[in-house]
Protein backbone atom coordinates (compact mmCIF):
# COMPACT_ATOMS: atom_id res chain seq x y z
CA MET A 1 -70.16 105.97 144.78
CA ASN A 2 -72.73 108.70 145.60
CA LEU A 3 -71.60 111.27 148.24
CA LYS A 4 -73.70 111.37 151.45
CA PHE A 5 -71.95 114.15 153.14
CA PHE A 6 -69.40 115.99 151.31
CA ASN A 7 -70.46 117.90 148.09
CA SER A 8 -67.95 117.99 145.18
CA LYS A 9 -66.33 121.19 146.17
CA ARG A 10 -65.61 119.94 149.78
CA LEU A 11 -64.45 116.56 148.43
CA GLY A 12 -61.92 118.08 146.17
CA LEU A 13 -60.31 119.79 149.26
CA ILE A 14 -60.58 116.76 151.44
CA ASP A 15 -58.94 114.48 148.53
CA ARG A 16 -56.11 116.99 148.26
CA ILE A 17 -55.54 117.23 152.14
CA PHE A 18 -55.84 113.50 152.57
CA GLU A 19 -53.28 112.99 149.71
CA ILE A 20 -50.81 115.45 151.42
CA ILE A 21 -51.17 113.57 154.57
CA ILE A 22 -51.00 110.11 153.12
CA PRO A 23 -49.22 110.27 149.73
CA GLU A 24 -48.65 107.57 147.20
CA THR A 25 -45.30 105.89 147.97
CA ASP A 26 -44.47 102.19 147.75
CA THR A 27 -47.88 101.66 149.35
CA PRO A 28 -51.06 103.20 148.11
CA GLY A 29 -51.95 106.79 149.00
CA SER A 30 -55.25 108.31 150.08
CA ASN A 31 -56.71 108.88 146.54
CA THR A 32 -55.96 105.19 145.50
CA LEU A 33 -57.55 103.84 148.59
CA ASN A 34 -60.62 106.27 148.29
CA LEU A 35 -60.26 107.44 151.80
CA SER A 36 -62.24 110.42 151.47
CA LYS A 37 -65.22 108.41 150.17
CA PHE A 38 -64.78 106.20 153.20
CA THR A 39 -64.75 109.14 155.46
CA ASP A 40 -67.88 110.82 153.68
CA ALA A 41 -69.86 107.46 154.47
CA TYR A 42 -68.59 107.29 157.94
CA ILE A 43 -69.38 110.95 158.92
CA TYR A 44 -72.85 110.46 157.28
CA LYS A 45 -73.63 107.25 159.31
CA ASN A 46 -71.93 108.29 162.74
CA ILE A 47 -72.15 111.83 163.31
CA SER A 48 -75.20 113.80 164.46
CA LEU A 49 -76.90 116.13 161.83
CA GLU A 50 -75.92 119.24 164.00
CA GLU A 51 -72.19 118.15 164.12
CA GLN A 52 -72.38 117.49 160.34
CA LYS A 53 -73.65 121.04 159.71
CA GLU A 54 -70.95 122.61 161.98
CA LEU A 55 -68.28 120.45 160.26
CA ASN A 56 -69.59 121.70 156.71
CA GLU A 57 -69.46 125.17 157.73
CA GLU A 58 -66.00 124.97 159.11
CA ILE A 59 -64.56 123.16 155.97
CA ASP A 60 -66.37 125.90 153.70
CA GLU A 61 -65.03 128.66 155.71
CA PHE A 62 -61.34 127.02 155.71
CA LEU A 63 -61.71 126.68 151.99
CA SER A 64 -62.84 130.20 151.38
CA VAL A 65 -59.96 131.54 153.70
CA ILE A 66 -57.42 129.53 151.43
CA LEU A 67 -58.96 130.68 148.18
CA SER A 68 -58.94 134.40 149.27
CA ASN A 69 -55.35 134.30 150.55
CA GLU A 70 -54.30 132.73 147.22
CA ASN A 71 -56.49 134.81 145.22
CA LYS A 72 -58.10 131.95 143.31
CA LYS A 73 -61.44 130.82 142.47
CA SER A 74 -61.33 127.19 142.86
CA ILE A 75 -59.20 124.52 144.99
CA SER A 76 -58.04 122.95 141.68
CA GLU A 77 -56.15 126.23 140.85
CA ILE A 78 -54.06 125.97 144.06
CA GLU A 79 -50.73 124.10 143.98
CA ASP A 80 -50.22 121.28 146.49
CA GLU A 81 -47.28 123.34 147.98
CA LYS A 82 -49.52 126.11 149.01
CA LEU A 83 -52.22 123.92 150.27
CA GLU A 84 -49.67 122.11 152.41
CA LYS A 85 -48.44 125.39 153.75
CA HIS A 86 -52.00 126.26 154.94
CA LEU A 87 -52.49 122.75 156.41
CA SER A 88 -49.08 122.72 158.23
CA ASN A 89 -49.44 126.32 159.62
CA HIS A 90 -52.60 125.19 161.46
CA LEU A 91 -51.36 121.77 162.42
CA ASN A 92 -48.12 123.07 163.84
CA SER A 93 -49.28 125.92 165.88
CA ASP A 94 -52.41 126.42 168.24
CA ASP A 95 -51.57 130.26 168.11
CA PHE A 96 -51.66 130.50 164.33
CA LYS A 97 -54.48 132.99 163.07
CA ASP A 98 -55.51 133.03 159.46
CA SER A 99 -56.24 136.35 157.51
CA ASN A 100 -59.84 136.30 158.96
CA GLY A 101 -58.47 136.00 162.63
CA ASN A 102 -59.75 132.39 163.04
CA ASN A 103 -57.67 129.38 164.00
CA TYR A 104 -58.42 126.18 162.11
CA SER A 105 -55.99 123.97 164.09
CA GLU A 106 -58.70 121.75 165.42
CA LEU A 107 -60.32 121.36 161.99
CA CYS A 108 -56.79 120.37 160.55
CA ARG A 109 -56.13 118.03 163.24
CA LEU A 110 -59.50 116.36 162.72
CA MET A 111 -58.81 115.90 159.04
CA ARG A 112 -55.49 114.49 159.89
CA ARG A 113 -57.05 111.88 162.32
CA MET A 114 -59.85 111.24 159.79
CA ALA A 115 -57.22 110.46 156.96
CA VAL A 116 -55.21 108.24 159.28
CA SER A 117 -57.95 106.52 160.75
CA SER A 118 -59.56 105.75 157.39
CA TYR A 119 -56.08 104.49 156.09
CA LYS A 120 -55.55 102.11 159.04
CA THR A 121 -58.98 100.55 158.62
CA SER A 122 -58.71 100.15 154.86
CA GLU A 123 -58.84 96.66 153.48
CA TYR A 124 -55.45 96.99 151.87
CA VAL A 125 -53.66 98.17 155.01
CA MET A 126 -55.26 95.69 157.21
CA THR A 127 -54.56 92.75 155.12
CA ASN A 128 -51.17 93.71 153.67
CA LEU A 129 -49.51 95.93 156.24
CA LEU A 130 -51.03 94.99 159.53
CA GLY A 131 -51.06 91.27 159.12
CA TYR A 132 -55.12 91.17 159.92
CA VAL A 133 -56.39 87.71 159.81
CA PRO A 134 -60.10 87.21 159.88
CA ILE A 135 -61.86 85.28 162.67
CA PRO A 136 -61.67 82.37 163.37
CA GLY A 137 -58.02 82.95 162.24
CA TYR A 138 -55.31 80.84 160.91
CA TYR A 139 -55.35 77.22 161.91
CA ASP A 140 -52.12 74.98 162.20
CA GLY A 141 -52.91 71.57 163.25
CA SER A 142 -49.45 70.68 163.69
CA VAL A 143 -48.54 72.90 166.64
CA ASP A 144 -47.16 71.15 169.66
CA VAL A 145 -49.40 71.64 172.77
């Protein structure tokens, strides 16, 4: 699948964050369901170009802060526990400021909402966990009226 919104560097961060939020358990996780690619297509089609640009800038800034705090050059060098710590710091406190003095709480909440929304609308979850039945639905001709 060709990316429309995220570049490969941002996608690496989004993949890892989404997998932290929705890990693989007895049901498929974020990476198995390709939630980041769904989110990429959704943002490209439904968000204005100006908002896309702002979101990209915030993601890049957040990524660079994480890399500088951990003294690493790429997101793949950072352990999941460290990435989860950065994510939870911002999710758990509106007052948390990172080393550059910025608060990324809103961005982290947005990423969590995107992951959960993508998960809930995935085909696997809709058909296997939420009991979705396509229109016109199930027909049972022997129901008493």
